[in-house]
All heavy atoms as atom14 arrays in JSON, in Angstrom:
{
  "sequence": "VVRLKGGDPFVFGRGGEEALHCARHGVPVTVVPGITSA",
  "atom14_mask": [
    [1, 1, 1, 1, 1, 1, 1, 0, 0, 0, 0, 0, 0, 0],
    [1, 1, 1, 1, 1, 1, 1, 0, 0, 0, 0, 0, 0, 0],
    [1, 1, 1, 1, 1, 1, 1, 1, 1, 1, 1, 0, 0, 0],
    [1, 1, 1, 1, 1, 1, 1, 1, 0, 0, 0, 0, 0, 0],
    [1, 1, 1, 1, 1, 1, 1, 1, 1, 0, 0, 0, 0, 0],
    [1, 1, 1, 1, 0, 0, 0, 0, 0, 0, 0, 0, 0, 0],
    [1, 1, 1, 1, 0, 0, 0, 0, 0, 0, 0, 0, 0, 0],
    [1, 1, 1, 1, 1, 1, 1, 1, 0, 0, 0, 0, 0, 0],
    [1, 1, 1, 1, 1, 1, 1, 0, 0, 0, 0, 0, 0, 0],
    [1, 1, 1, 1, 1, 1, 1, 1, 1, 1, 1, 0, 0, 0],
    [1, 1, 1, 1, 1, 1, 1, 0, 0, 0, 0, 0, 0, 0],
    [1, 1, 1, 1, 1, 1, 1, 1, 1, 1, 1, 0, 0, 0],
    [1, 1, 1, 1, 0, 0, 0, 0, 0, 0, 0, 0, 0, 0],
    [1, 1, 1, 1, 1, 1, 1, 1, 1, 1, 1, 0, 0, 0],
    [1, 1, 1, 1, 0, 0, 0, 0, 0, 0, 0, 0, 0, 0],
    [1, 1, 1, 1, 0, 0, 0, 0, 0, 0, 0, 0, 0, 0],
    [1, 1, 1, 1, 1, 1, 1, 1, 1, 0, 0, 0, 0, 0],
    [1, 1, 1, 1, 1, 1, 1, 1, 1, 0, 0, 0, 0, 0],
    [1, 1, 1, 1, 1, 0, 0, 0, 0, 0, 0, 0, 0, 0],
    [1, 1, 1, 1, 1, 1, 1, 1, 0, 0, 0, 0, 0, 0],
    [1, 1, 1, 1, 1, 1, 1, 1, 1, 1, 0, 0, 0, 0],
    [1, 1, 1, 1, 1, 1, 0, 0, 0, 0, 0, 0, 0, 0],
    [1, 1, 1, 1, 1, 0, 0, 0, 0, 0, 0, 0, 0, 0],
    [1, 1, 1, 1, 1, 1, 1, 1, 1, 1, 1, 0, 0, 0],
    [1, 1, 1, 1, 1, 1, 1, 1, 1, 1, 0, 0, 0, 0],
    [1, 1, 1, 1, 0, 0, 0, 0, 0, 0, 0, 0, 0, 0],
    [1, 1, 1, 1, 1, 1, 1, 0, 0, 0, 0, 0, 0, 0],
    [1, 1, 1, 1, 1, 1, 1, 0, 0, 0, 0, 0, 0, 0],
    [1, 1, 1, 1, 1, 1, 1, 0, 0, 0, 0, 0, 0, 0],
    [1, 1, 1, 1, 1, 1, 1, 0, 0, 0, 0, 0, 0, 0],
    [1, 1, 1, 1, 1, 1, 1, 0, 0, 0, 0, 0, 0, 0],
    [1, 1, 1, 1, 1, 1, 1, 0, 0, 0, 0, 0, 0, 0],
    [1, 1, 1, 1, 1, 1, 1, 0, 0, 0, 0, 0, 0, 0],
    [1, 1, 1, 1, 0, 0, 0, 0, 0, 0, 0, 0, 0, 0],
    [1, 1, 1, 1, 1, 1, 1, 1, 0, 0, 0, 0, 0, 0],
    [1, 1, 1, 1, 1, 1, 1, 0, 0, 0, 0, 0, 0, 0],
    [1, 1, 1, 1, 1, 1, 0, 0, 0, 0, 0, 0, 0, 0],
    [1, 1, 1, 1, 1, 0, 0, 0, 0, 0, 0, 0, 0, 0]
  ],
  "atom14_positions": [
    [[6.05, 6.34, 14.36], [4.9, 6.06, 15.22], [4.99, 4.66, 15.79], [5.18, 3.69, 15.04], [3.57, 6.2, 14.43], [2.37, 6.01, 15.36], [3.5, 7.56, 13.73], [0.0, 0.0, 0.0], [0.0, 0.0, 0.0], [0.0, 0.0, 0.0], [0.0, 0.0, 0.0], [0.0, 0.0, 0.0], [0.0, 0.0, 0.0], [0.0, 0.0, 0.0]],
    [[4.85, 4.54, 17.09], [4.74, 3.24, 17.74], [3.31, 3.05, 18.2], [2.77, 3.87, 18.96], [5.7, 3.11, 18.94], [5.35, 1.87, 19.77], [7.14, 3.0, 18.45], [0.0, 0.0, 0.0], [0.0, 0.0, 0.0], [0.0, 0.0, 0.0], [0.0, 0.0, 0.0], [0.0, 0.0, 0.0], [0.0, 0.0, 0.0], [0.0, 0.0, 0.0]],
    [[2.68, 2.01, 17.71], [1.34, 1.63, 18.18], [1.54, 0.61, 19.28], [1.83, -0.57, 19.01], [0.54, 1.05, 17.02], [-0.82, 0.45, 17.42], [-1.78, 1.54, 17.86], [-3.13, 0.98, 17.99], [-3.76, 0.82, 19.15], [-3.15, 1.15, 20.28], [-4.98, 0.34, 19.18], [0.0, 0.0, 0.0], [0.0, 0.0, 0.0], [0.0, 0.0, 0.0]],
    [[1.45, 1.04, 20.52], [1.71, 0.18, 21.67], [0.42, -0.51, 22.08], [-0.55, 0.15, 22.5], [2.27, 1.01, 22.82], [2.67, 0.24, 24.09], [3.77, -0.77, 23.79], [3.11, 1.2, 25.18], [0.0, 0.0, 0.0], [0.0, 0.0, 0.0], [0.0, 0.0, 0.0], [0.0, 0.0, 0.0], [0.0, 0.0, 0.0], [0.0, 0.0, 0.0]],
    [[0.41, -1.84, 21.97], [-0.8, -2.61, 22.22], [-0.56, -3.61, 23.35], [0.56, -4.03, 23.59], [-1.21, -3.37, 20.95], [-1.33, -2.48, 19.72], [-1.51, -3.26, 18.46], [-2.91, -3.8, 18.32], [-3.91, -2.76, 18.09], [0.0, 0.0, 0.0], [0.0, 0.0, 0.0], [0.0, 0.0, 0.0], [0.0, 0.0, 0.0], [0.0, 0.0, 0.0]],
    [[-1.61, -4.0, 24.01], [-1.5, -5.07, 24.99], [-1.35, -6.41, 24.31], [-1.84, -6.62, 23.2], [0.0, 0.0, 0.0], [0.0, 0.0, 0.0], [0.0, 0.0, 0.0], [0.0, 0.0, 0.0], [0.0, 0.0, 0.0], [0.0, 0.0, 0.0], [0.0, 0.0, 0.0], [0.0, 0.0, 0.0], [0.0, 0.0, 0.0], [0.0, 0.0, 0.0]],
    [[-0.66, -7.33, 24.97], [-0.51, -8.68, 24.42], [0.28, -8.7, 23.14], [1.33, -8.07, 23.02], [0.0, 0.0, 0.0], [0.0, 0.0, 0.0], [0.0, 0.0, 0.0], [0.0, 0.0, 0.0], [0.0, 0.0, 0.0], [0.0, 0.0, 0.0], [0.0, 0.0, 0.0], [0.0, 0.0, 0.0], [0.0, 0.0, 0.0], [0.0, 0.0, 0.0]],
    [[-0.22, -9.41, 22.13], [0.39, -9.51, 20.82], [-0.5, -8.77, 19.82], [-1.73, -8.89, 19.87], [0.54, -10.97, 20.41], [1.2, -11.12, 19.05], [0.51, -11.02, 18.02], [2.43, -11.32, 19.02], [0.0, 0.0, 0.0], [0.0, 0.0, 0.0], [0.0, 0.0, 0.0], [0.0, 0.0, 0.0], [0.0, 0.0, 0.0], [0.0, 0.0, 0.0]],
    [[0.09, -8.01, 18.89], [-0.73, -7.23, 17.96], [-1.69, -8.05, 17.13], [-2.75, -7.56, 16.73], [0.3, -6.53, 17.07], [1.57, -6.54, 17.84], [1.53, -7.79, 18.67], [0.0, 0.0, 0.0], [0.0, 0.0, 0.0], [0.0, 0.0, 0.0], [0.0, 0.0, 0.0], [0.0, 0.0, 0.0], [0.0, 0.0, 0.0], [0.0, 0.0, 0.0]],
    [[-1.32, -9.3, 16.85], [-2.12, -10.12, 15.95], [-2.95, -11.18, 16.67], [-3.5, -12.08, 16.03], [-1.22, -10.79, 14.91], [-0.72, -9.85, 13.83], [0.14, -10.31, 12.85], [-1.11, -8.52, 13.81], [0.6, -9.45, 11.86], [-0.66, -7.66, 12.83], [0.2, -8.13, 11.85], [0.0, 0.0, 0.0], [0.0, 0.0, 0.0], [0.0, 0.0, 0.0]],
    [[-3.04, -11.12, 18.0], [-3.91, -12.04, 18.74], [-5.05, -11.21, 19.34], [-4.9, -10.61, 20.4], [-3.13, -12.79, 19.84], [-4.07, -13.73, 20.61], [-1.98, -13.59, 19.24], [0.0, 0.0, 0.0], [0.0, 0.0, 0.0], [0.0, 0.0, 0.0], [0.0, 0.0, 0.0], [0.0, 0.0, 0.0], [0.0, 0.0, 0.0], [0.0, 0.0, 0.0]],
    [[-6.15, -11.14, 18.63], [-7.32, -10.37, 19.04], [-6.96, -8.91, 19.33], [-7.61, -8.26, 20.15], [-8.0, -11.0, 20.27], [-8.37, -12.44, 20.07], [-8.08, -13.39, 21.04], [-9.0, -12.86, 18.92], [-8.42, -14.72, 20.85], [-9.34, -14.19, 18.72], [-9.04, -15.13, 19.69], [0.0, 0.0, 0.0], [0.0, 0.0, 0.0], [0.0, 0.0, 0.0]],
    [[-5.93, -8.41, 18.65], [-5.5, -7.04, 18.88], [-5.81, -6.1, 17.73], [-5.46, -4.93, 17.78], [0.0, 0.0, 0.0], [0.0, 0.0, 0.0], [0.0, 0.0, 0.0], [0.0, 0.0, 0.0], [0.0, 0.0, 0.0], [0.0, 0.0, 0.0], [0.0, 0.0, 0.0], [0.0, 0.0, 0.0], [0.0, 0.0, 0.0], [0.0, 0.0, 0.0]],
    [[-6.41, -6.61, 16.67], [-6.77, -5.85, 15.47], [-5.55, -5.24, 14.8], [-5.66, -4.28, 14.03], [-7.82, -4.78, 15.82], [-9.06, -5.37, 16.48], [-10.19, -4.4, 16.66], [-10.87, -4.11, 15.41], [-12.04, -3.45, 15.35], [-12.61, -3.02, 16.45], [-12.6, -3.19, 14.18], [0.0, 0.0, 0.0], [0.0, 0.0, 0.0], [0.0, 0.0, 0.0]],
    [[-4.4, -5.83, 15.09], [-3.19, -5.36, 14.44], [-3.2, -5.58, 12.95], [-2.63, -4.79, 12.19], [0.0, 0.0, 0.0], [0.0, 0.0, 0.0], [0.0, 0.0, 0.0], [0.0, 0.0, 0.0], [0.0, 0.0, 0.0], [0.0, 0.0, 0.0], [0.0, 0.0, 0.0], [0.0, 0.0, 0.0], [0.0, 0.0, 0.0], [0.0, 0.0, 0.0]],
    [[-3.84, -6.66, 12.51], [-3.93, -6.91, 11.08], [-4.67, -5.8, 10.35], [-4.28, -5.4, 9.24], [0.0, 0.0, 0.0], [0.0, 0.0, 0.0], [0.0, 0.0, 0.0], [0.0, 0.0, 0.0], [0.0, 0.0, 0.0], [0.0, 0.0, 0.0], [0.0, 0.0, 0.0], [0.0, 0.0, 0.0], [0.0, 0.0, 0.0], [0.0, 0.0, 0.0]],
    [[-5.74, -5.28, 10.96], [-6.49, -4.18, 10.35], [-5.62, -2.94, 10.23], [-5.65, -2.22, 9.22], [-7.73, -3.87, 11.18], [-8.72, -5.02, 11.26], [-9.87, -4.71, 12.21], [-10.39, -3.58, 12.16], [-10.23, -5.59, 13.01], [0.0, 0.0, 0.0], [0.0, 0.0, 0.0], [0.0, 0.0, 0.0], [0.0, 0.0, 0.0], [0.0, 0.0, 0.0]],
    [[-4.83, -2.68, 11.27], [-3.97, -1.5, 11.26], [-2.85, -1.64, 10.23], [-2.51, -0.68, 9.53], [-3.42, -1.26, 12.66], [-4.52, -0.91, 13.66], [-4.08, -0.97, 15.11], [-2.92, -1.3, 15.38], [-4.94, -0.69, 15.97], [0.0, 0.0, 0.0], [0.0, 0.0, 0.0], [0.0, 0.0, 0.0], [0.0, 0.0, 0.0], [0.0, 0.0, 0.0]],
    [[-2.29, -2.85, 10.14], [-1.24, -3.08, 9.15], [-1.78, -2.93, 7.73], [-1.12, -2.34, 6.86], [-0.65, -4.47, 9.35], [0.0, 0.0, 0.0], [0.0, 0.0, 0.0], [0.0, 0.0, 0.0], [0.0, 0.0, 0.0], [0.0, 0.0, 0.0], [0.0, 0.0, 0.0], [0.0, 0.0, 0.0], [0.0, 0.0, 0.0], [0.0, 0.0, 0.0]],
    [[-2.97, -3.45, 7.49], [-3.58, -3.31, 6.16], [-3.85, -1.85, 5.81], [-3.59, -1.41, 4.68], [-4.9, -4.1, 6.11], [-4.79, -5.61, 5.92], [-6.16, -6.26, 6.13], [-4.27, -5.92, 4.51], [0.0, 0.0, 0.0], [0.0, 0.0, 0.0], [0.0, 0.0, 0.0], [0.0, 0.0, 0.0], [0.0, 0.0, 0.0], [0.0, 0.0, 0.0]],
    [[-4.36, -1.1, 6.77], [-4.67, 0.31, 6.52], [-3.39, 1.08, 6.18], [-3.38, 1.89, 5.25], [-5.35, 0.91, 7.76], [-5.85, 2.31, 7.54], [-7.03, 2.56, 6.85], [-5.35, 3.53, 7.89], [-7.23, 3.87, 6.8], [-6.22, 4.48, 7.43], [0.0, 0.0, 0.0], [0.0, 0.0, 0.0], [0.0, 0.0, 0.0], [0.0, 0.0, 0.0]],
    [[-2.33, 0.82, 6.93], [-1.06, 1.5, 6.64], [-0.52, 1.1, 5.27], [-0.06, 1.95, 4.49], [-0.03, 1.16, 7.72], [-0.38, 1.91, 9.34], [0.0, 0.0, 0.0], [0.0, 0.0, 0.0], [0.0, 0.0, 0.0], [0.0, 0.0, 0.0], [0.0, 0.0, 0.0], [0.0, 0.0, 0.0], [0.0, 0.0, 0.0], [0.0, 0.0, 0.0]],
    [[-0.58, -0.19, 4.96], [-0.08, -0.67, 3.67], [-0.84, -0.03, 2.52], [-0.24, 0.35, 1.5], [-0.18, -2.19, 3.61], [0.0, 0.0, 0.0], [0.0, 0.0, 0.0], [0.0, 0.0, 0.0], [0.0, 0.0, 0.0], [0.0, 0.0, 0.0], [0.0, 0.0, 0.0], [0.0, 0.0, 0.0], [0.0, 0.0, 0.0], [0.0, 0.0, 0.0]],
    [[-2.15, 0.11, 2.67], [-2.96, 0.7, 1.6], [-2.65, 2.17, 1.38], [-2.93, 2.71, 0.31], [-4.44, 0.52, 1.93], [-4.91, -0.93, 1.77], [-6.26, -1.16, 2.41], [-6.69, -2.55, 2.25], [-7.6, -3.14, 3.02], [-8.17, -2.47, 4.02], [-7.93, -4.4, 2.79], [0.0, 0.0, 0.0], [0.0, 0.0, 0.0], [0.0, 0.0, 0.0]],
    [[-2.06, 2.81, 2.39], [-1.72, 4.22, 2.27], [-0.22, 4.43, 2.1], [0.29, 5.55, 2.26], [-2.22, 5.0, 3.49], [-3.71, 5.17, 3.52], [-4.57, 4.17, 3.94], [-4.5, 6.21, 3.15], [-5.82, 4.59, 3.84], [-5.81, 5.82, 3.37], [0.0, 0.0, 0.0], [0.0, 0.0, 0.0], [0.0, 0.0, 0.0], [0.0, 0.0, 0.0]],
    [[0.51, 3.36, 1.77], [1.93, 3.48, 1.49], [2.81, 3.74, 2.68], [3.92, 4.25, 2.54], [0.0, 0.0, 0.0], [0.0, 0.0, 0.0], [0.0, 0.0, 0.0], [0.0, 0.0, 0.0], [0.0, 0.0, 0.0], [0.0, 0.0, 0.0], [0.0, 0.0, 0.0], [0.0, 0.0, 0.0], [0.0, 0.0, 0.0], [0.0, 0.0, 0.0]],
    [[2.34, 3.39, 3.89], [3.11, 3.61, 5.1], [3.79, 2.3, 5.5], [3.11, 1.29, 5.7], [2.21, 4.11, 6.25], [2.99, 4.19, 7.56], [1.61, 5.46, 5.91], [0.0, 0.0, 0.0], [0.0, 0.0, 0.0], [0.0, 0.0, 0.0], [0.0, 0.0, 0.0], [0.0, 0.0, 0.0], [0.0, 0.0, 0.0], [0.0, 0.0, 0.0]],
    [[5.13, 2.28, 5.62], [5.81, 1.04, 6.02], [5.45, 0.64, 7.44], [5.29, 1.49, 8.32], [7.3, 1.39, 5.9], [7.37, 2.87, 5.94], [6.08, 3.39, 5.37], [0.0, 0.0, 0.0], [0.0, 0.0, 0.0], [0.0, 0.0, 0.0], [0.0, 0.0, 0.0], [0.0, 0.0, 0.0], [0.0, 0.0, 0.0], [0.0, 0.0, 0.0]],
    [[5.34, -0.67, 7.65], [4.92, -1.19, 8.95], [5.93, -2.22, 9.44], [6.34, -3.12, 8.7], [3.52, -1.84, 8.87], [3.14, -2.45, 10.22], [2.48, -0.82, 8.45], [0.0, 0.0, 0.0], [0.0, 0.0, 0.0], [0.0, 0.0, 0.0], [0.0, 0.0, 0.0], [0.0, 0.0, 0.0], [0.0, 0.0, 0.0], [0.0, 0.0, 0.0]],
    [[6.31, -2.09, 10.71], [7.12, -3.09, 11.39], [6.25, -3.73, 12.46], [5.59, -3.03, 13.22], [8.35, -2.45, 12.07], [9.15, -1.81, 11.08], [9.18, -3.49, 12.81], [0.0, 0.0, 0.0], [0.0, 0.0, 0.0], [0.0, 0.0, 0.0], [0.0, 0.0, 0.0], [0.0, 0.0, 0.0], [0.0, 0.0, 0.0], [0.0, 0.0, 0.0]],
    [[6.24, -5.06, 12.52], [5.45, -5.76, 13.53], [6.4, -6.39, 14.55], [7.29, -7.15, 14.19], [4.55, -6.84, 12.9], [3.75, -7.57, 13.99], [3.61, -6.23, 11.88], [0.0, 0.0, 0.0], [0.0, 0.0, 0.0], [0.0, 0.0, 0.0], [0.0, 0.0, 0.0], [0.0, 0.0, 0.0], [0.0, 0.0, 0.0], [0.0, 0.0, 0.0]],
    [[6.2, -6.04, 15.81], [6.99, -6.61, 16.9], [6.07, -7.5, 17.73], [5.19, -7.0, 18.43], [7.61, -5.52, 17.79], [8.43, -6.15, 18.9], [8.47, -4.58, 16.95], [0.0, 0.0, 0.0], [0.0, 0.0, 0.0], [0.0, 0.0, 0.0], [0.0, 0.0, 0.0], [0.0, 0.0, 0.0], [0.0, 0.0, 0.0], [0.0, 0.0, 0.0]],
    [[6.22, -8.81, 17.65], [5.34, -9.7, 18.42], [5.43, -9.43, 19.91], [6.46, -8.96, 20.42], [5.87, -11.1, 18.09], [6.64, -10.93, 16.81], [7.21, -9.55, 16.87], [0.0, 0.0, 0.0], [0.0, 0.0, 0.0], [0.0, 0.0, 0.0], [0.0, 0.0, 0.0], [0.0, 0.0, 0.0], [0.0, 0.0, 0.0], [0.0, 0.0, 0.0]],
    [[4.36, -9.72, 20.61], [4.33, -9.56, 22.06], [3.92, -10.85, 22.73], [3.4, -11.78, 22.1], [0.0, 0.0, 0.0], [0.0, 0.0, 0.0], [0.0, 0.0, 0.0], [0.0, 0.0, 0.0], [0.0, 0.0, 0.0], [0.0, 0.0, 0.0], [0.0, 0.0, 0.0], [0.0, 0.0, 0.0], [0.0, 0.0, 0.0], [0.0, 0.0, 0.0]],
    [[4.15, -10.93, 24.03], [3.72, -12.1, 24.8], [2.22, -12.01, 24.99], [1.71, -11.07, 25.6], [4.42, -12.13, 26.17], [5.93, -12.19, 26.0], [3.94, -13.32, 27.0], [6.71, -12.07, 27.29], [0.0, 0.0, 0.0], [0.0, 0.0, 0.0], [0.0, 0.0, 0.0], [0.0, 0.0, 0.0], [0.0, 0.0, 0.0], [0.0, 0.0, 0.0]],
    [[1.49, -12.97, 24.46], [0.04, -12.91, 24.54], [-0.45, -13.28, 25.93], [0.05, -14.22, 26.56], [-0.62, -13.82, 23.49], [-2.03, -13.82, 23.69], [-0.12, -15.25, 23.6], [0.0, 0.0, 0.0], [0.0, 0.0, 0.0], [0.0, 0.0, 0.0], [0.0, 0.0, 0.0], [0.0, 0.0, 0.0], [0.0, 0.0, 0.0], [0.0, 0.0, 0.0]],
    [[-1.45, -12.56, 26.4], [-2.02, -12.83, 27.72], [-2.68, -14.2, 27.78], [-2.85, -14.77, 28.86], [-3.03, -11.75, 28.08], [-4.09, -11.7, 27.13], [0.0, 0.0, 0.0], [0.0, 0.0, 0.0], [0.0, 0.0, 0.0], [0.0, 0.0, 0.0], [0.0, 0.0, 0.0], [0.0, 0.0, 0.0], [0.0, 0.0, 0.0], [0.0, 0.0, 0.0]],
    [[-3.04, -14.74, 26.62], [-3.71, -16.05, 26.59], [-2.85, -17.15, 27.2], [-3.38, -18.12, 27.75], [-4.08, -16.41, 25.15], [0.0, 0.0, 0.0], [0.0, 0.0, 0.0], [0.0, 0.0, 0.0], [0.0, 0.0, 0.0], [0.0, 0.0, 0.0], [0.0, 0.0, 0.0], [0.0, 0.0, 0.0], [0.0, 0.0, 0.0], [0.0, 0.0, 0.0]]
  ]
}
């Protein structure tokens, strides 16, 4: 699964919440930084 987000996942993108949810359910997560619109 690719969660395609605008900007960077961890800059006001709620990527941290998604990573935590996956981790709590034993799902491996890869984070690919993005160019932030800021």
